[in-house]
């Protein structure tokens, strides 16, 4: 008996953000947190240019700021995320609350 390996593209996406710089990354985090990060029934996708240094800075900004904002709001900092090659021009990060991830049965 085989089993299908999990891929982040299987997570239902609530909103996709096209991010080109760190300022836009910070703005997307605010929107994710203000929309109720833990109360959603899916995750968020961030698409960013396939420029390694820029993508690393954007990814670091997003994950650090989500954890900071969740702590500031007194919410659980149980963040799950995956980074992968989305297409020829972009990387993607899929972010979801660990609690929501479990509720979806992954």
N, C-alpha and C. Protein backbone atom coordinates (compact mmCIF):
# COMPACT_ATOMS: atom_id res chain seq x y z
N UNK A 1 0.84 -1.20 0.00
CA UNK A 1 0.00 0.00 0.00
C UNK A 1 0.88 1.25 0.00
N UNK A 2 0.62 2.13 -0.92
CA UNK A 2 1.38 3.37 -0.99
C UNK A 2 0.60 4.51 -0.36
N UNK A 3 1.29 5.57 -0.12
CA UNK A 3 0.61 6.76 0.36
C UNK A 3 1.14 7.94 -0.42
N UNK A 4 0.29 8.94 -0.58
CA UNK A 4 0.70 10.11 -1.34
C UNK A 4 1.48 11.04 -0.42
N UNK A 5 2.62 11.46 -0.90
CA UNK A 5 3.42 12.38 -0.11
C UNK A 5 2.78 13.76 -0.12
N UNK A 6 2.84 14.43 1.02
CA UNK A 6 2.25 15.75 1.14
C UNK A 6 3.04 16.77 0.33
N UNK A 7 2.33 17.66 -0.34
CA UNK A 7 2.95 18.82 -1.01
C UNK A 7 2.14 20.05 -0.61
N UNK A 8 2.82 21.17 -0.32
CA UNK A 8 2.09 22.36 0.14
C UNK A 8 1.03 22.87 -0.83
N UNK A 9 1.11 22.48 -2.10
CA UNK A 9 0.08 22.92 -3.06
C UNK A 9 -1.28 22.27 -2.75
N UNK A 10 -1.31 21.27 -1.85
CA UNK A 10 -2.56 20.63 -1.47
C UNK A 10 -3.35 21.46 -0.44
N UNK A 11 -2.70 22.42 0.18
CA UNK A 11 -3.36 23.26 1.18
C UNK A 11 -4.30 24.25 0.49
N UNK A 12 -5.55 24.34 0.95
CA UNK A 12 -6.45 25.34 0.36
C UNK A 12 -5.89 26.75 0.64
N UNK A 13 -5.80 27.57 -0.40
CA UNK A 13 -5.23 28.91 -0.28
C UNK A 13 -6.33 29.95 -0.18
N UNK A 14 -6.28 30.75 0.88
CA UNK A 14 -7.25 31.80 1.11
C UNK A 14 -6.94 33.02 0.27
N UNK A 15 -5.66 33.36 0.22
CA UNK A 15 -5.23 34.53 -0.55
C UNK A 15 -3.80 34.34 -0.99
N UNK A 16 -3.51 34.82 -2.20
CA UNK A 16 -2.15 34.79 -2.74
C UNK A 16 -1.63 36.22 -2.82
N UNK A 17 -0.42 36.41 -2.33
CA UNK A 17 0.24 37.72 -2.37
C UNK A 17 1.40 37.66 -3.35
N UNK A 18 1.49 38.63 -4.26
CA UNK A 18 2.64 38.79 -5.16
C UNK A 18 3.55 39.80 -4.49
N UNK A 19 4.71 39.37 -4.03
CA UNK A 19 5.61 40.22 -3.26
C UNK A 19 6.89 40.46 -4.04
N UNK A 20 7.28 41.74 -4.15
CA UNK A 20 8.51 42.04 -4.89
C UNK A 20 9.59 42.66 -4.01
N UNK A 21 9.23 43.04 -2.77
CA UNK A 21 10.24 43.63 -1.87
C UNK A 21 9.82 43.44 -0.42
N UNK A 22 10.71 43.84 0.50
CA UNK A 22 10.46 43.62 1.92
C UNK A 22 9.31 44.48 2.46
N UNK A 23 9.11 45.67 1.91
CA UNK A 23 8.00 46.53 2.34
C UNK A 23 6.66 45.83 2.04
N UNK A 24 6.54 45.30 0.84
CA UNK A 24 5.32 44.58 0.46
C UNK A 24 5.15 43.33 1.33
N UNK A 25 6.26 42.71 1.73
CA UNK A 25 6.20 41.53 2.60
C UNK A 25 5.57 41.91 3.94
N UNK A 26 6.02 43.03 4.51
CA UNK A 26 5.47 43.50 5.79
C UNK A 26 3.99 43.81 5.68
N UNK A 27 3.59 44.43 4.57
CA UNK A 27 2.17 44.76 4.37
C UNK A 27 1.32 43.49 4.26
N UNK A 28 1.85 42.47 3.61
CA UNK A 28 1.09 41.22 3.47
C UNK A 28 0.91 40.54 4.82
N UNK A 29 1.94 40.62 5.68
CA UNK A 29 1.85 40.03 7.02
C UNK A 29 0.73 40.69 7.81
N UNK A 30 0.65 42.01 7.75
CA UNK A 30 -0.42 42.72 8.45
C UNK A 30 -1.78 42.21 8.00
N UNK A 31 -1.95 42.06 6.71
CA UNK A 31 -3.23 41.58 6.20
C UNK A 31 -3.53 40.15 6.66
N UNK A 32 -2.51 39.29 6.65
CA UNK A 32 -2.70 37.90 7.10
C UNK A 32 -3.14 37.86 8.56
N UNK A 33 -2.44 38.63 9.40
CA UNK A 33 -2.73 38.62 10.84
C UNK A 33 -4.09 39.25 11.13
N UNK A 34 -4.37 40.37 10.48
CA UNK A 34 -5.63 41.07 10.72
C UNK A 34 -6.84 40.30 10.22
N UNK A 35 -6.65 39.38 9.28
CA UNK A 35 -7.77 38.59 8.78
C UNK A 35 -8.04 37.37 9.67
N UNK A 36 -7.22 37.20 10.72
CA UNK A 36 -7.43 36.08 11.64
C UNK A 36 -6.66 34.85 11.21
N UNK A 37 -5.36 34.89 11.37
CA UNK A 37 -4.46 33.83 10.88
C UNK A 37 -4.90 32.45 11.36
N UNK A 38 -5.29 32.33 12.64
CA UNK A 38 -5.64 31.02 13.20
C UNK A 38 -7.09 30.62 12.95
N UNK A 39 -7.92 31.56 12.49
CA UNK A 39 -9.34 31.23 12.33
C UNK A 39 -9.70 30.91 10.89
N UNK A 40 -8.72 30.91 9.99
CA UNK A 40 -8.98 30.60 8.59
C UNK A 40 -9.09 29.10 8.39
N UNK A 41 -9.62 28.72 7.25
CA UNK A 41 -9.73 27.29 6.91
C UNK A 41 -8.76 26.94 5.79
N UNK A 42 -7.62 27.59 5.82
CA UNK A 42 -6.61 27.33 4.80
C UNK A 42 -5.38 28.16 5.08
N UNK A 43 -4.54 28.32 4.08
CA UNK A 43 -3.29 29.04 4.25
C UNK A 43 -3.15 30.19 3.28
N UNK A 44 -1.99 30.78 3.29
CA UNK A 44 -1.67 31.89 2.41
C UNK A 44 -0.49 31.50 1.54
N UNK A 45 -0.50 32.02 0.31
CA UNK A 45 0.63 31.79 -0.58
C UNK A 45 1.28 33.13 -0.87
N UNK A 46 2.60 33.13 -0.81
CA UNK A 46 3.38 34.31 -1.17
C UNK A 46 4.23 33.93 -2.37
N UNK A 47 4.07 34.67 -3.45
CA UNK A 47 4.88 34.46 -4.64
C UNK A 47 5.92 35.56 -4.69
N UNK A 48 7.17 35.20 -4.95
CA UNK A 48 8.25 36.19 -4.96
C UNK A 48 9.22 35.88 -6.09
N UNK A 49 9.94 36.91 -6.53
CA UNK A 49 10.87 36.71 -7.66
C UNK A 49 11.91 35.64 -7.36
N UNK A 50 12.29 34.93 -8.39
CA UNK A 50 13.29 33.88 -8.24
C UNK A 50 14.69 34.51 -8.28
N UNK A 51 14.93 35.36 -7.27
CA UNK A 51 16.25 35.96 -7.05
C UNK A 51 16.61 35.56 -5.63
N UNK A 52 17.56 34.68 -5.49
CA UNK A 52 17.77 34.00 -4.22
C UNK A 52 17.94 34.93 -3.02
N UNK A 53 18.80 35.94 -3.11
CA UNK A 53 19.02 36.82 -1.96
C UNK A 53 17.75 37.58 -1.60
N UNK A 54 17.06 38.11 -2.59
CA UNK A 54 15.82 38.85 -2.34
C UNK A 54 14.76 37.91 -1.75
N UNK A 55 14.62 36.72 -2.33
CA UNK A 55 13.63 35.76 -1.84
C UNK A 55 13.90 35.37 -0.39
N UNK A 56 15.18 35.18 -0.04
CA UNK A 56 15.53 34.85 1.35
C UNK A 56 15.15 35.99 2.28
N UNK A 57 15.40 37.23 1.87
CA UNK A 57 15.04 38.39 2.72
C UNK A 57 13.53 38.49 2.88
N UNK A 58 12.79 38.29 1.79
CA UNK A 58 11.33 38.35 1.85
C UNK A 58 10.81 37.23 2.76
N UNK A 59 11.31 36.02 2.59
CA UNK A 59 10.87 34.90 3.42
C UNK A 59 11.18 35.11 4.89
N UNK A 60 12.37 35.62 5.18
CA UNK A 60 12.76 35.91 6.56
C UNK A 60 11.85 36.98 7.15
N UNK A 61 11.59 38.05 6.38
CA UNK A 61 10.72 39.13 6.85
C UNK A 61 9.33 38.60 7.19
N UNK A 62 8.77 37.80 6.30
CA UNK A 62 7.41 37.29 6.51
C UNK A 62 7.33 36.38 7.73
N UNK A 63 8.22 35.39 7.83
CA UNK A 63 8.12 34.45 8.95
C UNK A 63 8.41 35.13 10.28
N UNK A 64 9.39 36.02 10.31
CA UNK A 64 9.73 36.73 11.55
C UNK A 64 8.59 37.64 11.99
N UNK A 65 8.03 38.39 11.04
CA UNK A 65 6.96 39.33 11.40
C UNK A 65 5.66 38.62 11.78
N UNK A 66 5.36 37.49 11.14
CA UNK A 66 4.15 36.74 11.54
C UNK A 66 4.31 36.29 12.99
N UNK A 67 5.46 35.70 13.32
CA UNK A 67 5.68 35.25 14.70
C UNK A 67 5.60 36.42 15.68
N UNK A 68 6.20 37.55 15.33
CA UNK A 68 6.17 38.73 16.20
C UNK A 68 4.73 39.23 16.40
N UNK A 69 3.97 39.33 15.30
CA UNK A 69 2.59 39.84 15.39
C UNK A 69 1.69 38.89 16.18
N UNK A 70 1.88 37.58 15.98
CA UNK A 70 1.07 36.61 16.74
C UNK A 70 1.37 36.73 18.23
N UNK A 71 2.66 36.88 18.57
CA UNK A 71 3.04 37.03 19.97
C UNK A 71 2.44 38.31 20.54
N UNK A 72 2.52 39.39 19.78
CA UNK A 72 2.00 40.69 20.21
C UNK A 72 0.49 40.62 20.48
N UNK A 73 -0.23 39.82 19.68
CA UNK A 73 -1.68 39.69 19.84
C UNK A 73 -2.05 38.59 20.84
N UNK A 74 -1.04 37.94 21.43
CA UNK A 74 -1.30 36.89 22.40
C UNK A 74 -1.82 35.61 21.77
N UNK A 75 -1.56 35.41 20.49
CA UNK A 75 -2.01 34.20 19.80
C UNK A 75 -0.87 33.19 19.75
N UNK A 76 -1.25 31.94 19.56
CA UNK A 76 -0.27 30.87 19.49
C UNK A 76 0.64 31.06 18.27
N UNK A 77 1.94 30.91 18.49
CA UNK A 77 2.91 31.07 17.38
C UNK A 77 3.25 29.71 16.81
N UNK A 78 2.26 29.06 16.26
CA UNK A 78 2.43 27.74 15.68
C UNK A 78 2.32 27.88 14.17
N UNK A 79 3.41 28.31 13.55
CA UNK A 79 3.44 28.60 12.13
C UNK A 79 4.08 27.44 11.37
N UNK A 80 3.40 26.97 10.34
CA UNK A 80 3.98 25.97 9.44
C UNK A 80 4.17 26.65 8.09
N UNK A 81 5.31 26.43 7.45
CA UNK A 81 5.51 27.01 6.12
C UNK A 81 6.46 26.17 5.29
N UNK A 82 6.28 26.27 3.99
CA UNK A 82 7.10 25.54 3.02
C UNK A 82 7.47 26.50 1.91
N UNK A 83 8.70 26.41 1.45
CA UNK A 83 9.16 27.21 0.32
C UNK A 83 9.49 26.26 -0.82
N UNK A 84 9.07 26.61 -2.02
CA UNK A 84 9.36 25.73 -3.16
C UNK A 84 9.39 26.54 -4.46
N UNK A 85 9.86 25.91 -5.52
CA UNK A 85 9.88 26.53 -6.85
C UNK A 85 8.45 26.48 -7.39
N UNK A 86 7.85 27.65 -7.60
CA UNK A 86 6.47 27.71 -8.09
C UNK A 86 6.43 27.57 -9.61
N UNK A 87 7.26 28.35 -10.27
CA UNK A 87 7.38 28.26 -11.73
C UNK A 87 8.76 28.79 -12.12
N UNK A 88 8.97 29.03 -13.41
CA UNK A 88 10.30 29.44 -13.87
C UNK A 88 10.75 30.77 -13.28
N UNK A 89 9.80 31.64 -12.95
CA UNK A 89 10.17 32.99 -12.52
C UNK A 89 9.96 33.26 -11.04
N UNK A 90 9.29 32.35 -10.33
CA UNK A 90 8.94 32.66 -8.94
C UNK A 90 9.13 31.48 -7.99
N UNK A 91 9.49 31.85 -6.75
CA UNK A 91 9.43 30.93 -5.62
C UNK A 91 8.08 31.16 -4.94
N UNK A 92 7.63 30.19 -4.19
CA UNK A 92 6.41 30.34 -3.41
C UNK A 92 6.68 29.92 -1.98
N UNK A 93 6.01 30.61 -1.06
CA UNK A 93 5.97 30.17 0.34
C UNK A 93 4.49 29.95 0.63
N UNK A 94 4.17 28.81 1.21
CA UNK A 94 2.81 28.56 1.69
C UNK A 94 2.90 28.58 3.21
N UNK A 95 2.05 29.42 3.82
CA UNK A 95 2.05 29.60 5.28
C UNK A 95 0.68 29.23 5.83
N UNK A 96 0.67 28.56 6.96
CA UNK A 96 -0.60 28.17 7.58
C UNK A 96 -0.37 28.00 9.08
N UNK A 97 -1.40 28.26 9.84
CA UNK A 97 -1.36 28.00 11.28
C UNK A 97 -1.25 26.49 11.48
N UNK A 98 -0.39 26.06 12.40
CA UNK A 98 -0.25 24.64 12.70
C UNK A 98 -1.56 24.02 13.12
N UNK A 99 -2.35 24.78 13.85
CA UNK A 99 -3.66 24.32 14.33
C UNK A 99 -4.60 24.07 13.13
N UNK A 100 -4.64 25.00 12.20
CA UNK A 100 -5.49 24.87 11.01
C UNK A 100 -5.00 23.70 10.15
N UNK A 101 -3.67 23.56 10.05
CA UNK A 101 -3.08 22.46 9.27
C UNK A 101 -3.58 21.11 9.80
N UNK A 102 -3.58 20.96 11.12
CA UNK A 102 -4.06 19.71 11.74
C UNK A 102 -5.57 19.54 11.54
N UNK A 103 -6.33 20.65 11.67
CA UNK A 103 -7.78 20.57 11.50
C UNK A 103 -8.15 20.13 10.09
N UNK A 104 -7.32 20.47 9.12
CA UNK A 104 -7.57 20.08 7.73
C UNK A 104 -7.20 18.62 7.47
N UNK A 105 -6.57 17.99 8.46
CA UNK A 105 -6.27 16.56 8.36
C UNK A 105 -4.97 16.20 7.69
N UNK A 106 -4.01 17.13 7.68
CA UNK A 106 -2.71 16.84 7.07
C UNK A 106 -1.76 16.22 8.07
